[in-house]
Amino acid sequence: MLAAAAIDGAGPATTPTRIVAPVALPGLAATALISFIFSWRELLFARVLTGVVAGTGHRRSAAHRDEFRSKLLV
């Protein structure tokens, strides 16, 4: 395909943009989408297993809860 582009008169700057990019973009887009889906799934899986409460960024324990309750009662 690159040889055909050279025969048709495409220069070194035109070949990547008009020949290589249109062929490679669907594969790159599919790879990016699959990578995002797997990363998102791993993040959710890790958050469920570690027991992180949404929005707090830390894990709540019984000691933390008791300390918070004792401060409210004082």
Protein backbone atom coordinates (compact mmCIF):
# COMPACT_ATOMS: atom_id res chain seq x y z
CA MET A 1 0.00 0.00 0.00
CA LEU A 2 2.87 2.36 0.75
CA ALA A 3 4.50 1.52 -2.56
CA ALA A 4 1.24 2.27 -4.37
CA ALA A 5 1.03 5.63 -2.59
CA ALA A 6 4.58 6.43 -3.71
CA ILE A 7 3.74 5.50 -7.30
CA ASP A 8 0.66 7.75 -7.14
CA GLY A 9 2.87 10.63 -6.09
CA ALA A 10 2.31 10.77 -2.33
CA GLY A 11 5.27 12.30 -0.55
CA PRO A 12 6.79 11.29 2.78
CA ALA A 13 4.52 13.69 4.69
CA THR A 14 1.34 12.68 2.87
CA THR A 15 1.75 8.92 3.25
CA PRO A 16 1.26 8.74 7.05
CA THR A 17 -1.71 11.10 7.10
CA ARG A 18 -3.64 9.84 4.07
CA ILE A 19 -2.66 6.17 3.96
CA VAL A 20 -1.46 4.89 7.33
CA ALA A 21 -3.76 6.86 9.68
CA PRO A 22 -7.10 5.82 8.14
CA VAL A 23 -6.02 2.17 8.25
CA ALA A 24 -4.68 2.33 11.83
CA LEU A 25 -7.34 4.52 13.52
CA PRO A 26 -10.10 1.88 13.88
CA GLY A 27 -7.67 -0.52 15.54
CA LEU A 28 -6.36 2.19 17.86
CA ALA A 29 -9.89 3.24 18.79
CA ALA A 30 -10.91 -0.35 19.56
CA THR A 31 -7.78 -0.86 21.66
CA ALA A 32 -8.43 2.35 23.61
CA LEU A 33 -12.06 1.38 24.25
CA ILE A 34 -11.21 -2.13 25.43
CA SER A 35 -8.41 -0.77 27.62
CA PHE A 36 -10.79 1.73 29.22
CA ILE A 37 -13.44 -0.93 29.87
CA PHE A 38 -10.96 -3.32 31.50
CA SER A 39 -9.43 -0.53 33.61
CA TRP A 40 -12.86 0.61 34.79
CA ARG A 41 -13.84 -2.97 35.65
CA GLU A 42 -10.63 -3.46 37.65
CA LEU A 43 -11.22 -0.21 39.55
CA LEU A 44 -14.75 -1.22 40.50
CA PHE A 45 -13.62 -4.72 41.44
CA ALA A 46 -10.87 -3.36 43.71
CA ARG A 47 -13.21 -0.86 45.36
CA VAL A 48 -15.76 -3.57 46.10
CA LEU A 49 -13.16 -5.94 47.55
CA THR A 50 -11.48 -3.31 49.74
CA GLY A 51 -14.76 -1.96 51.07
CA VAL A 52 -14.04 1.65 50.21
CA VAL A 53 -17.08 3.81 50.85
CA ALA A 54 -17.99 5.85 47.78
CA GLY A 55 -17.04 9.49 48.06
CA THR A 56 -14.85 9.27 51.18
CA GLY A 57 -11.65 7.82 49.81
CA HIS A 58 -10.96 5.79 52.95
CA ARG A 59 -12.19 2.63 54.56
CA ARG A 60 -14.53 2.91 57.51
CA SER A 61 -13.90 0.62 60.42
CA ALA A 62 -15.78 -0.07 63.64
CA ALA A 63 -13.18 1.91 65.61
CA HIS A 64 -13.67 4.93 63.35
CA ARG A 65 -17.43 4.70 63.76
CA ASP A 66 -17.19 4.45 67.55
CA GLU A 67 -14.80 7.38 67.73
CA PHE A 68 -17.15 9.49 65.63
CA ARG A 69 -20.16 8.55 67.79
CA SER A 70 -18.32 9.36 71.03
CA LYS A 71 -17.47 12.84 69.72
CA LEU A 72 -21.13 13.43 68.90
CA LEU A 73 -22.27 12.43 72.38
CA VAL A 74 -19.85 14.74 74.23
